[in-house]
Amino acid sequence: MSLDRLNPQQREAVLTVDGPLLLFAGAGSGKTRVLVHRIAHLIREKRVSPWNIFAVTFTNKAAGEMKERVAGLLGQRADDTWISTFHSAGVRILRKHATRLDYGESFVIYDDGDQMTLIKECLEELKLNPKIFNPRAVESRIDAAKNELIEPADYPVDDFFNEQVARVYELYAKKLKANNAVDFGDLLLLPVKLFEGHPEVLQ
């Protein structure tokens, strides 16, 4: 595998394999190229098993591009690497270990419409006026909390609106679990909760 197309900094990033490595680079600077060559270098030169390679990105397009480029360097060996989006990785992890968090393995993933229906149900049950507590605004705050890995019990109640959002969030989470359902935010939050509460799954 030739590294001739990489600049000195990129080559250094590819060849540095001991310990963690953090790269800062702007758009179009070759981050994906570095990651792809680093994966190929670990497998080809360092004899790392493809099964031990896990690469995550934010979009399906980026994950697909990374898979294609790794396959271009490694051929069939690329099939055994795990390259996906954060949300897809969350689904895969939860399908395998959902019972440890008291979910069934066949949990359903609520889309935006399902979420809004459940949020409105929670608002009605808590007797909160949807004209004051806009369902979309409430859902947005709950989703933002999950993206920050904040669970209902830890939701900041710094004003009256957030105090009510915290109540909705708590009820919403209970209803999701009762329905054996998760939303997109849970695909980030729940794997972290799983890892913290059951570190053995990381082995």
N, C-alpha and C. Protein backbone atom coordinates (compact mmCIF):
# COMPACT_ATOMS: atom_id res chain seq x y z
N MET A 1 0.85 -1.20 0.00
CA MET A 1 0.00 0.00 0.00
C MET A 1 0.89 1.24 0.00
N SER A 2 0.70 2.09 -0.99
CA SER A 2 1.52 3.28 -1.12
C SER A 2 0.93 4.44 -0.33
N LEU A 3 1.81 5.15 0.35
CA LEU A 3 1.40 6.35 1.09
C LEU A 3 1.90 7.61 0.38
N ASP A 4 2.29 7.46 -0.90
CA ASP A 4 2.90 8.57 -1.63
C ASP A 4 1.96 9.75 -1.80
N ARG A 5 0.66 9.48 -1.84
CA ARG A 5 -0.30 10.57 -2.07
C ARG A 5 -0.61 11.35 -0.79
N LEU A 6 -0.04 10.91 0.32
CA LEU A 6 -0.28 11.59 1.60
C LEU A 6 0.83 12.59 1.87
N ASN A 7 0.47 13.71 2.49
CA ASN A 7 1.50 14.67 2.88
C ASN A 7 2.16 14.18 4.18
N PRO A 8 3.25 14.81 4.62
CA PRO A 8 3.97 14.32 5.81
C PRO A 8 3.10 14.19 7.06
N GLN A 9 2.21 15.16 7.30
CA GLN A 9 1.35 15.10 8.49
C GLN A 9 0.35 13.94 8.38
N GLN A 10 -0.17 13.73 7.17
CA GLN A 10 -1.10 12.62 6.97
C GLN A 10 -0.40 11.27 7.15
N ARG A 11 0.81 11.16 6.61
CA ARG A 11 1.57 9.91 6.77
C ARG A 11 1.84 9.63 8.24
N GLU A 12 2.19 10.68 8.98
CA GLU A 12 2.45 10.51 10.41
C GLU A 12 1.21 9.99 11.13
N ALA A 13 0.04 10.52 10.76
CA ALA A 13 -1.21 10.09 11.38
C ALA A 13 -1.51 8.63 11.05
N VAL A 14 -1.22 8.22 9.83
CA VAL A 14 -1.46 6.83 9.42
C VAL A 14 -0.53 5.88 10.15
N LEU A 15 0.73 6.27 10.31
CA LEU A 15 1.75 5.37 10.85
C LEU A 15 1.83 5.37 12.37
N THR A 16 1.20 6.34 13.03
CA THR A 16 1.20 6.37 14.50
C THR A 16 0.11 5.45 15.01
N VAL A 17 0.51 4.32 15.57
CA VAL A 17 -0.49 3.30 15.94
C VAL A 17 -0.50 2.98 17.43
N ASP A 18 0.43 3.52 18.20
CA ASP A 18 0.48 3.22 19.63
C ASP A 18 -0.29 4.28 20.40
N GLY A 19 -1.38 3.88 21.03
CA GLY A 19 -2.16 4.80 21.84
C GLY A 19 -3.15 5.60 21.01
N PRO A 20 -3.94 6.42 21.70
CA PRO A 20 -4.96 7.22 21.00
C PRO A 20 -4.34 8.35 20.18
N LEU A 21 -5.07 8.78 19.17
CA LEU A 21 -4.59 9.85 18.30
C LEU A 21 -5.77 10.76 17.97
N LEU A 22 -5.59 12.05 18.17
CA LEU A 22 -6.63 13.04 17.88
C LEU A 22 -6.15 13.94 16.75
N LEU A 23 -6.98 14.03 15.70
CA LEU A 23 -6.63 14.86 14.55
C LEU A 23 -7.58 16.04 14.44
N PHE A 24 -7.04 17.22 14.22
CA PHE A 24 -7.84 18.41 13.94
C PHE A 24 -7.55 18.83 12.50
N ALA A 25 -8.59 18.92 11.69
CA ALA A 25 -8.39 19.34 10.30
C ALA A 25 -9.70 19.88 9.74
N GLY A 26 -9.58 20.81 8.82
CA GLY A 26 -10.75 21.43 8.22
C GLY A 26 -11.37 20.58 7.13
N ALA A 27 -12.48 21.07 6.59
CA ALA A 27 -13.18 20.38 5.51
C ALA A 27 -12.28 20.27 4.28
N GLY A 28 -12.30 19.10 3.66
CA GLY A 28 -11.53 18.90 2.43
C GLY A 28 -10.04 18.74 2.62
N SER A 29 -9.62 18.52 3.86
CA SER A 29 -8.18 18.42 4.13
C SER A 29 -7.65 16.99 4.07
N GLY A 30 -8.53 16.03 3.81
CA GLY A 30 -8.08 14.64 3.66
C GLY A 30 -8.25 13.78 4.89
N LYS A 31 -9.18 14.14 5.77
CA LYS A 31 -9.39 13.33 7.00
C LYS A 31 -9.83 11.91 6.67
N THR A 32 -10.77 11.80 5.73
CA THR A 32 -11.26 10.47 5.36
C THR A 32 -10.14 9.64 4.74
N ARG A 33 -9.33 10.27 3.89
CA ARG A 33 -8.20 9.56 3.28
C ARG A 33 -7.27 9.02 4.36
N VAL A 34 -7.00 9.84 5.38
CA VAL A 34 -6.12 9.41 6.47
C VAL A 34 -6.74 8.22 7.21
N LEU A 35 -8.02 8.32 7.54
CA LEU A 35 -8.68 7.23 8.26
C LEU A 35 -8.65 5.93 7.46
N VAL A 36 -8.95 6.04 6.17
CA VAL A 36 -8.98 4.86 5.31
C VAL A 36 -7.60 4.21 5.24
N HIS A 37 -6.57 5.01 5.04
CA HIS A 37 -5.21 4.46 4.97
C HIS A 37 -4.75 3.93 6.33
N ARG A 38 -5.19 4.57 7.39
CA ARG A 38 -4.84 4.10 8.73
C ARG A 38 -5.45 2.72 8.99
N ILE A 39 -6.72 2.55 8.62
CA ILE A 39 -7.38 1.24 8.76
C ILE A 39 -6.63 0.19 7.95
N ALA A 40 -6.32 0.52 6.70
CA ALA A 40 -5.61 -0.43 5.84
C ALA A 40 -4.23 -0.76 6.40
N HIS A 41 -3.54 0.24 6.92
CA HIS A 41 -2.20 0.03 7.50
C HIS A 41 -2.28 -0.89 8.73
N LEU A 42 -3.26 -0.66 9.59
CA LEU A 42 -3.41 -1.51 10.78
C LEU A 42 -3.64 -2.97 10.40
N ILE A 43 -4.45 -3.18 9.38
CA ILE A 43 -4.79 -4.55 8.99
C ILE A 43 -3.66 -5.21 8.21
N ARG A 44 -3.10 -4.49 7.24
CA ARG A 44 -2.07 -5.08 6.38
C ARG A 44 -0.71 -5.19 7.05
N GLU A 45 -0.28 -4.10 7.65
CA GLU A 45 1.09 -4.05 8.16
C GLU A 45 1.20 -4.45 9.63
N LYS A 46 0.19 -4.13 10.41
CA LYS A 46 0.25 -4.42 11.85
C LYS A 46 -0.52 -5.67 12.23
N ARG A 47 -1.12 -6.32 11.23
CA ARG A 47 -1.82 -7.59 11.43
C ARG A 47 -2.98 -7.50 12.44
N VAL A 48 -3.60 -6.34 12.50
CA VAL A 48 -4.80 -6.19 13.33
C VAL A 48 -5.94 -6.89 12.62
N SER A 49 -6.72 -7.67 13.36
CA SER A 49 -7.87 -8.35 12.76
C SER A 49 -8.90 -7.32 12.30
N PRO A 50 -9.45 -7.49 11.09
CA PRO A 50 -10.51 -6.58 10.64
C PRO A 50 -11.68 -6.52 11.62
N TRP A 51 -11.91 -7.61 12.35
CA TRP A 51 -13.00 -7.64 13.34
C TRP A 51 -12.79 -6.61 14.44
N ASN A 52 -11.54 -6.19 14.65
CA ASN A 52 -11.24 -5.23 15.71
C ASN A 52 -11.24 -3.78 15.24
N ILE A 53 -11.63 -3.55 14.01
CA ILE A 53 -11.69 -2.19 13.46
C ILE A 53 -13.12 -1.67 13.55
N PHE A 54 -13.29 -0.54 14.20
CA PHE A 54 -14.60 0.10 14.35
C PHE A 54 -14.45 1.57 14.00
N ALA A 55 -15.07 2.00 12.92
CA ALA A 55 -15.01 3.39 12.48
C ALA A 55 -16.42 3.95 12.38
N VAL A 56 -16.65 5.11 13.00
CA VAL A 56 -17.99 5.70 12.99
C VAL A 56 -17.94 7.11 12.43
N THR A 57 -19.04 7.48 11.79
CA THR A 57 -19.18 8.82 11.23
C THR A 57 -20.63 9.25 11.39
N PHE A 58 -20.95 10.46 10.94
CA PHE A 58 -22.28 11.01 11.21
C PHE A 58 -23.33 10.67 10.16
N THR A 59 -22.94 10.52 8.91
CA THR A 59 -23.94 10.34 7.86
C THR A 59 -23.78 9.00 7.14
N ASN A 60 -24.89 8.51 6.59
CA ASN A 60 -24.85 7.28 5.80
C ASN A 60 -23.94 7.44 4.59
N LYS A 61 -23.98 8.63 3.99
CA LYS A 61 -23.14 8.89 2.81
C LYS A 61 -21.66 8.76 3.16
N ALA A 62 -21.26 9.37 4.28
CA ALA A 62 -19.85 9.31 4.69
C ALA A 62 -19.43 7.89 5.04
N ALA A 63 -20.32 7.15 5.72
CA ALA A 63 -20.01 5.76 6.08
C ALA A 63 -19.87 4.92 4.82
N GLY A 64 -20.77 5.12 3.86
CA GLY A 64 -20.71 4.37 2.61
C GLY A 64 -19.43 4.66 1.84
N GLU A 65 -19.05 5.94 1.80
CA GLU A 65 -17.82 6.33 1.11
C GLU A 65 -16.61 5.70 1.78
N MET A 66 -16.59 5.69 3.11
CA MET A 66 -15.46 5.11 3.82
C MET A 66 -15.36 3.61 3.56
N LYS A 67 -16.51 2.92 3.56
CA LYS A 67 -16.51 1.48 3.27
C LYS A 67 -15.94 1.21 1.88
N GLU A 68 -16.38 1.99 0.90
CA GLU A 68 -15.91 1.80 -0.47
C GLU A 68 -14.40 2.01 -0.58
N ARG A 69 -13.91 3.03 0.08
CA ARG A 69 -12.49 3.35 -0.03
C ARG A 69 -11.63 2.33 0.70
N VAL A 70 -12.11 1.84 1.84
CA VAL A 70 -11.38 0.77 2.54
C VAL A 70 -11.37 -0.49 1.69
N ALA A 71 -12.51 -0.82 1.07
CA ALA A 71 -12.59 -1.99 0.19
C ALA A 71 -11.64 -1.84 -0.99
N GLY A 72 -11.48 -0.61 -1.48
CA GLY A 72 -10.56 -0.38 -2.59
C GLY A 72 -9.12 -0.69 -2.23
N LEU A 73 -8.77 -0.54 -0.96
CA LEU A 73 -7.40 -0.83 -0.50
C LEU A 73 -7.23 -2.26 0.00
N LEU A 74 -8.30 -2.84 0.55
CA LEU A 74 -8.17 -4.14 1.22
C LEU A 74 -8.90 -5.28 0.53
N GLY A 75 -9.78 -4.96 -0.41
CA GLY A 75 -10.57 -6.03 -1.03
C GLY A 75 -11.53 -6.65 -0.04
N GLN A 76 -11.65 -7.97 -0.09
CA GLN A 76 -12.64 -8.69 0.73
C GLN A 76 -12.40 -8.55 2.23
N ARG A 77 -11.15 -8.33 2.61
CA ARG A 77 -10.87 -8.19 4.05
C ARG A 77 -11.62 -7.01 4.66
N ALA A 78 -12.00 -6.05 3.84
CA ALA A 78 -12.74 -4.89 4.35
C ALA A 78 -14.13 -5.28 4.84
N ASP A 79 -14.65 -6.42 4.35
CA ASP A 79 -16.00 -6.84 4.73
C ASP A 79 -16.14 -7.09 6.22
N ASP A 80 -15.05 -7.44 6.88
CA ASP A 80 -15.11 -7.78 8.31
C ASP A 80 -14.88 -6.58 9.22
N THR A 81 -14.63 -5.41 8.64
CA THR A 81 -14.53 -4.21 9.48
C THR A 81 -15.93 -3.70 9.79
N TRP A 82 -16.06 -2.92 10.85
CA TRP A 82 -17.35 -2.35 11.22
C TRP A 82 -17.27 -0.84 11.00
N ILE A 83 -17.86 -0.40 9.90
CA ILE A 83 -17.88 1.02 9.54
C ILE A 83 -19.33 1.44 9.41
N SER A 84 -19.76 2.39 10.22
CA SER A 84 -21.18 2.76 10.21
C SER A 84 -21.37 4.17 10.76
N THR A 85 -22.62 4.60 10.82
CA THR A 85 -22.95 5.84 11.51
C THR A 85 -23.07 5.56 13.00
N PHE A 86 -23.05 6.62 13.80
CA PHE A 86 -23.23 6.47 15.25
C PHE A 86 -24.58 5.81 15.55
N HIS A 87 -25.63 6.23 14.85
CA HIS A 87 -26.95 5.68 15.13
C HIS A 87 -27.06 4.21 14.73
N SER A 88 -26.49 3.85 13.58
CA SER A 88 -26.50 2.45 13.16
C SER A 88 -25.73 1.58 14.15
N ALA A 89 -24.61 2.10 14.63
CA ALA A 89 -23.83 1.37 15.63
C ALA A 89 -24.64 1.20 16.90
N GLY A 90 -25.37 2.25 17.29
CA GLY A 90 -26.22 2.16 18.48
C GLY A 90 -27.27 1.08 18.36
N VAL A 91 -27.90 0.99 17.19
CA VAL A 91 -28.90 -0.06 16.95
C VAL A 91 -28.28 -1.43 17.11
N ARG A 92 -27.13 -1.62 16.48
CA ARG A 92 -26.47 -2.94 16.50
C ARG A 92 -26.10 -3.34 17.93
N ILE A 93 -25.57 -2.39 18.68
CA ILE A 93 -25.18 -2.67 20.07
C ILE A 93 -26.40 -3.00 20.92
N LEU A 94 -27.46 -2.20 20.76
CA LEU A 94 -28.66 -2.41 21.57
C LEU A 94 -29.39 -3.70 21.21
N ARG A 95 -29.41 -4.07 19.94
CA ARG A 95 -30.06 -5.33 19.55
C ARG A 95 -29.42 -6.51 20.28
N LYS A 96 -28.13 -6.40 20.50
CA LYS A 96 -27.40 -7.50 21.14
C LYS A 96 -27.55 -7.50 22.65
N HIS A 97 -27.70 -6.30 23.25
CA HIS A 97 -27.65 -6.20 24.71
C HIS A 97 -28.85 -5.50 25.33
N ALA A 98 -29.93 -5.34 24.58
CA ALA A 98 -31.08 -4.56 25.07
C ALA A 98 -31.65 -5.08 26.38
N THR A 99 -31.60 -6.39 26.58
CA THR A 99 -32.20 -6.96 27.79
C THR A 99 -31.48 -6.49 29.06
N ARG A 100 -30.23 -6.10 28.94
CA ARG A 100 -29.50 -5.60 30.11
C ARG A 100 -30.05 -4.25 30.58
N LEU A 101 -30.77 -3.57 29.68
CA LEU A 101 -31.40 -2.29 30.02
C LEU A 101 -32.91 -2.44 30.14
N ASP A 102 -33.36 -3.69 30.26
CA ASP A 102 -34.79 -3.99 30.41
C ASP A 102 -35.63 -3.64 29.19
N TYR A 103 -35.03 -3.74 28.02
CA TYR A 103 -35.76 -3.65 26.76
C TYR A 103 -35.74 -5.03 26.12
N GLY A 104 -36.73 -5.31 25.29
CA GLY A 104 -36.70 -6.53 24.51
C GLY A 104 -35.79 -6.34 23.30
N GLU A 105 -35.22 -7.43 22.80
CA GLU A 105 -34.31 -7.34 21.66
C GLU A 105 -35.03 -6.87 20.40
N SER A 106 -36.34 -7.07 20.35
CA SER A 106 -37.11 -6.67 19.16
C SER A 106 -37.72 -5.29 19.34
N PHE A 107 -37.03 -4.41 20.09
CA PHE A 107 -37.55 -3.06 20.31
C PHE A 107 -37.79 -2.36 18.96
N VAL A 108 -38.73 -1.42 18.97
CA VAL A 108 -39.01 -0.65 17.76
C VAL A 108 -38.36 0.73 17.89
N ILE A 109 -38.05 1.31 16.74
CA ILE A 109 -37.44 2.64 16.71
C ILE A 109 -38.49 3.63 16.24
N TYR A 110 -38.84 4.55 17.11
CA TYR A 110 -39.85 5.55 16.78
C TYR A 110 -39.28 6.61 15.83
N ASP A 111 -40.05 6.91 14.80
CA ASP A 111 -39.66 8.00 13.92
C ASP A 111 -40.23 9.31 14.46
N ASP A 112 -40.05 10.38 13.71
CA ASP A 112 -40.46 11.70 14.19
C ASP A 112 -41.95 11.75 14.48
N GLY A 113 -42.75 11.15 13.62
CA GLY A 113 -44.20 11.15 13.83
C GLY A 113 -44.60 10.42 15.09
N ASP A 114 -43.97 9.27 15.33
CA ASP A 114 -44.25 8.50 16.56
C ASP A 114 -43.87 9.31 17.79
N GLN A 115 -42.72 9.98 17.72
CA GLN A 115 -42.25 10.79 18.85
C GLN A 115 -43.25 11.90 19.17
N MET A 116 -43.70 12.60 18.12
CA MET A 116 -44.62 13.71 18.34
C MET A 116 -45.94 13.23 18.94
N THR A 117 -46.43 12.09 18.47
CA THR A 117 -47.66 11.53 19.02
C THR A 117 -47.50 11.26 20.51
N LEU A 118 -46.37 10.68 20.88
CA LEU A 118 -46.14 10.34 22.28
C LEU A 118 -45.92 11.59 23.13
N ILE A 119 -45.22 12.57 22.60
CA ILE A 119 -45.02 13.84 23.32
C ILE A 119 -46.37 14.49 23.60
N LYS A 120 -47.23 14.53 22.60
CA LYS A 120 -48.56 15.14 22.77
C LYS A 120 -49.37 14.38 23.82
N GLU A 121 -49.23 13.07 23.82
CA GLU A 121 -49.91 12.24 24.81
C GLU A 121 -49.42 12.59 26.22
N CYS A 122 -48.11 12.78 26.35
CA CYS A 122 -47.53 13.14 27.65
C CYS A 122 -48.02 14.52 28.10
N LEU A 123 -48.05 15.47 27.18
CA LEU A 123 -48.52 16.82 27.51
C LEU A 123 -49.96 16.78 28.01
N GLU A 124 -50.77 16.00 27.33
CA GLU A 124 -52.18 15.89 27.73
C GLU A 124 -52.30 15.24 29.10
N GLU A 125 -51.54 14.19 29.32
CA GLU A 125 -51.60 13.48 30.60
C GLU A 125 -51.14 14.37 31.75
N LEU A 126 -50.17 15.24 31.48
CA LEU A 126 -49.65 16.14 32.51
C LEU A 126 -50.41 17.46 32.57
N LYS A 127 -51.46 17.56 31.74
CA LYS A 127 -52.31 18.76 31.70
C LYS A 127 -51.51 20.03 31.38
N LEU A 128 -50.62 19.91 30.41
CA LEU A 128 -49.82 21.04 29.96
C LEU A 128 -50.38 21.53 28.62
N ASN A 129 -50.64 22.81 28.55
CA ASN A 129 -51.25 23.40 27.36
C ASN A 129 -50.26 23.39 26.19
N PRO A 130 -50.60 22.70 25.08
CA PRO A 130 -49.68 22.62 23.94
C PRO A 130 -49.45 23.97 23.26
N LYS A 131 -50.31 24.96 23.53
CA LYS A 131 -50.09 26.29 22.97
C LYS A 131 -48.96 27.01 23.71
N ILE A 132 -48.78 26.63 24.96
CA ILE A 132 -47.68 27.19 25.76
C ILE A 132 -46.44 26.30 25.65
N PHE A 133 -46.68 25.00 25.75
CA PHE A 133 -45.59 24.02 25.66
C PHE A 133 -45.69 23.34 24.30
N ASN A 134 -45.17 24.05 23.30
CA ASN A 134 -45.23 23.55 21.93
C ASN A 134 -44.60 22.17 21.83
N PRO A 135 -45.34 21.17 21.34
CA PRO A 135 -44.81 19.80 21.29
C PRO A 135 -43.48 19.70 20.56
N ARG A 136 -43.33 20.47 19.47
CA ARG A 136 -42.08 20.42 18.72
C ARG A 136 -40.91 20.99 19.54
N ALA A 137 -41.18 22.06 20.28
CA ALA A 137 -40.13 22.66 21.12
C ALA A 137 -39.74 21.73 22.26
N VAL A 138 -40.75 21.07 22.85
CA VAL A 138 -40.48 20.12 23.94
C VAL A 138 -39.66 18.95 23.41
N GLU A 139 -40.07 18.42 22.26
CA GLU A 139 -39.35 17.29 21.66
C GLU A 139 -37.91 17.67 21.35
N SER A 140 -37.73 18.90 20.86
CA SER A 140 -36.39 19.38 20.51
C SER A 140 -35.49 19.45 21.74
N ARG A 141 -36.04 19.90 22.86
CA ARG A 141 -35.23 19.99 24.10
C ARG A 141 -34.89 18.60 24.63
N ILE A 142 -35.84 17.68 24.54
CA ILE A 142 -35.57 16.31 24.99
C ILE A 142 -34.50 15.68 24.11
N ASP A 143 -34.61 15.88 22.80
CA ASP A 143 -33.63 15.33 21.88
C ASP A 143 -32.24 15.92 22.14
N ALA A 144 -32.19 17.23 22.39
CA ALA A 144 -30.91 17.88 22.69
C ALA A 144 -30.30 17.31 23.96
N ALA A 145 -31.15 17.04 24.96
CA ALA A 145 -30.66 16.45 26.21
C ALA A 145 -30.06 15.07 25.96
N LYS A 146 -30.75 14.26 25.16
CA LYS A 146 -30.24 12.92 24.86
C LYS A 146 -28.91 13.00 24.12
N ASN A 147 -28.80 13.96 23.20
CA ASN A 147 -27.54 14.12 22.47
C ASN A 147 -26.39 14.53 23.39
N GLU A 148 -26.74 15.16 24.52
CA GLU A 148 -25.74 15.53 25.52
C GLU A 148 -25.61 14.45 26.61
N LEU A 149 -26.29 13.31 26.39
CA LEU A 149 -26.27 12.17 27.31
C LEU A 149 -26.87 12.52 28.68
N ILE A 150 -27.89 13.37 28.67
CA ILE A 150 -28.58 13.77 29.90
C ILE A 150 -29.86 12.97 30.03
N GLU A 151 -29.98 12.22 31.11
CA GLU A 151 -31.17 11.42 31.36
C GLU A 151 -32.23 12.28 32.07
N PRO A 152 -33.48 11.79 32.13
CA PRO A 152 -34.55 12.60 32.73
C PRO A 152 -34.24 13.11 34.13
N ALA A 153 -33.67 12.27 34.98
CA ALA A 153 -33.40 12.67 36.37
C ALA A 153 -32.36 13.78 36.45
N ASP A 154 -31.55 13.93 35.41
CA ASP A 154 -30.48 14.93 35.42
C ASP A 154 -30.80 16.16 34.57
N TYR A 155 -32.01 16.21 34.05
CA TYR A 155 -32.36 17.34 33.17
C TYR A 155 -32.37 18.64 33.98
N PRO A 156 -31.68 19.69 33.50
CA PRO A 156 -31.59 20.94 34.27
C PRO A 156 -32.93 21.68 34.34
N VAL A 157 -33.36 22.00 35.56
CA VAL A 157 -34.64 22.69 35.76
C VAL A 157 -34.35 24.11 36.24
N ASP A 158 -33.80 24.92 35.34
CA ASP A 158 -33.37 26.27 35.71
C ASP A 158 -34.46 27.32 35.52
N ASP A 159 -35.60 26.93 34.94
CA ASP A 159 -36.73 27.85 34.84
C ASP A 159 -38.02 27.03 34.76
N PHE A 160 -39.15 27.71 34.76
CA PHE A 160 -40.44 27.01 34.79
C PHE A 160 -40.64 26.14 33.55
N PHE A 161 -40.27 26.65 32.38
CA PHE A 161 -40.45 25.88 31.15
C PHE A 161 -39.67 24.57 31.21
N ASN A 162 -38.40 24.67 31.59
CA ASN A 162 -37.57 23.47 31.67
C ASN A 162 -38.03 22.52 32.77
N GLU A 163 -38.61 23.07 33.82
CA GLU A 163 -39.16 22.23 34.88
C GLU A 163 -40.27 21.34 34.32
N GLN A 164 -41.08 21.91 33.44
CA GLN A 164 -42.16 21.13 32.83
C GLN A 164 -41.62 20.17 31.76
N VAL A 165 -40.61 20.62 31.03
CA VAL A 165 -39.97 19.73 30.05
C VAL A 165 -39.40 18.51 30.76
N ALA A 166 -38.82 18.71 31.93
CA ALA A 166 -38.27 17.59 32.70
C ALA A 166 -39.37 16.59 33.06
N ARG A 167 -40.55 17.09 33.41
CA ARG A 167 -41.68 16.21 33.72
C ARG A 167 -42.10 15.41 32.48
N VAL A 168 -42.17 16.12 31.36
CA VAL A 168 -42.54 15.45 30.11
C VAL A 168 -41.49 14.40 29.74
N TYR A 169 -40.23 14.78 29.86
CA TYR A 169 -39.12 13.87 29.52
C TYR A 169 -39.21 12.59 30.34
N GLU A 170 -39.46 12.73 31.63
CA GLU A 170 -39.55 11.55 32.51
C GLU A 170 -40.69 10.64 32.08
N LEU A 171 -41.86 11.22 31.83
CA LEU A 171 -43.02 10.43 31.42
C LEU A 171 -42.80 9.83 30.03
N TYR A 172 -42.25 10.61 29.14
CA TYR A 172 -41.96 10.17 27.77
C TYR A 172 -41.03 8.95 27.78
N ALA A 173 -39.98 9.01 28.60
CA ALA A 173 -39.03 7.90 28.70
C ALA A 173 -39.71 6.64 29.23
N LYS A 174 -40.59 6.82 30.23
CA LYS A 174 -41.31 5.67 30.79
C LYS A 174 -42.23 5.04 29.75
N LYS A 175 -42.90 5.89 28.98
CA LYS A 175 -43.82 5.37 27.96
C LYS A 175 -43.06 4.68 26.82
N LEU A 176 -41.93 5.24 26.44
CA LEU A 176 -41.11 4.58 25.43
C LEU A 176 -40.75 3.17 25.88
N LYS A 177 -40.26 3.06 27.11
CA LYS A 177 -39.84 1.75 27.61
C LYS A 177 -41.03 0.79 27.71
N ALA A 178 -42.17 1.31 28.16
CA ALA A 178 -43.38 0.47 28.27
C ALA A 178 -43.80 -0.06 26.90
N ASN A 179 -43.51 0.70 25.85
CA ASN A 179 -43.85 0.29 24.49
C ASN A 179 -42.72 -0.49 23.82
N ASN A 180 -41.67 -0.80 24.59
CA ASN A 180 -40.47 -1.44 24.06
C ASN A 180 -39.97 -0.69 22.82
N ALA A 181 -39.87 0.63 23.00
CA ALA A 181 -39.49 1.51 21.89
C ALA A 181 -38.35 2.44 22.31
N VAL A 182 -37.59 2.86 21.31
CA VAL A 182 -36.55 3.87 21.51
C VAL A 182 -36.71 4.91 20.40
N ASP A 183 -36.15 6.10 20.63
CA ASP A 183 -36.11 7.10 19.56
C ASP A 183 -34.67 7.28 19.12
N PHE A 184 -34.44 8.17 18.15
CA PHE A 184 -33.08 8.33 17.62
C PHE A 184 -32.10 8.78 18.69
N GLY A 185 -32.54 9.64 19.60
CA GLY A 185 -31.66 10.08 20.68
C GLY A 185 -31.22 8.94 21.57
N ASP A 186 -32.11 7.98 21.77
CA ASP A 186 -31.77 6.81 22.60
C ASP A 186 -30.67 5.97 21.97
N LEU A 187 -30.56 6.02 20.65
CA LEU A 187 -29.53 5.23 19.97
C LEU A 187 -28.13 5.73 20.30
N LEU A 188 -28.04 6.95 20.83
CA LEU A 188 -26.77 7.48 21.33
C LEU A 188 -26.67 7.34 22.85
N LEU A 189 -27.76 7.67 23.53
CA LEU A 189 -27.78 7.69 25.00
C LEU A 189 -27.69 6.28 25.60
N LEU A 190 -28.49 5.36 25.09
CA LEU A 190 -28.59 4.04 25.74
C LEU A 190 -27.32 3.20 25.61
N PRO A 191 -26.60 3.21 24.48
CA PRO A 191 -25.34 2.47 24.46
C PRO A 191 -24.34 2.96 25.50
N VAL A 192 -24.28 4.28 25.71
CA VAL A 192 -23.38 4.83 26.73
C VAL A 192 -23.82 4.36 28.11
N LYS A 193 -25.13 4.40 28.36
CA LYS A 193 -25.66 3.90 29.63
C LYS A 193 -25.32 2.42 29.81
N LEU A 194 -25.43 1.67 28.74
CA LEU A 194 -25.09 0.24 28.76
C LEU A 194 -23.62 0.05 29.12
N PHE A 195 -22.73 0.79 28.47
CA PHE A 195 -21.30 0.64 28.71
C PHE A 195 -20.94 1.02 30.15
N GLU A 196 -21.58 2.06 30.67
CA GLU A 196 -21.27 2.50 32.03
C GLU A 196 -21.82 1.52 33.07
N GLY A 197 -22.99 0.97 32.82
CA GLY A 197 -23.60 0.06 33.79
C GLY A 197 -23.17 -1.38 33.64
N HIS A 198 -22.69 -1.75 32.46
CA HIS A 198 -22.30 -3.14 32.18
C HIS A 198 -20.99 -3.15 31.39
N PRO A 199 -19.89 -2.74 32.03
CA PRO A 199 -18.62 -2.63 31.31
C PRO A 199 -18.15 -3.94 30.68
N GLU A 200 -18.69 -5.07 31.14
CA GLU A 200 -18.28 -6.36 30.58
C GLU A 200 -18.63 -6.48 29.10
N VAL A 201 -19.64 -5.73 28.62
CA VAL A 201 -20.01 -5.84 27.21
C VAL A 201 -18.94 -5.23 26.30
N LEU A 202 -18.03 -4.46 26.88
CA LEU A 202 -16.96 -3.85 26.09
C LEU A 202 -15.81 -4.83 25.82
N GLN A 203 -15.82 -5.95 26.51
CA GLN A 203 -14.72 -6.91 26.36
C GLN A 203 -14.79 -7.63 25.02
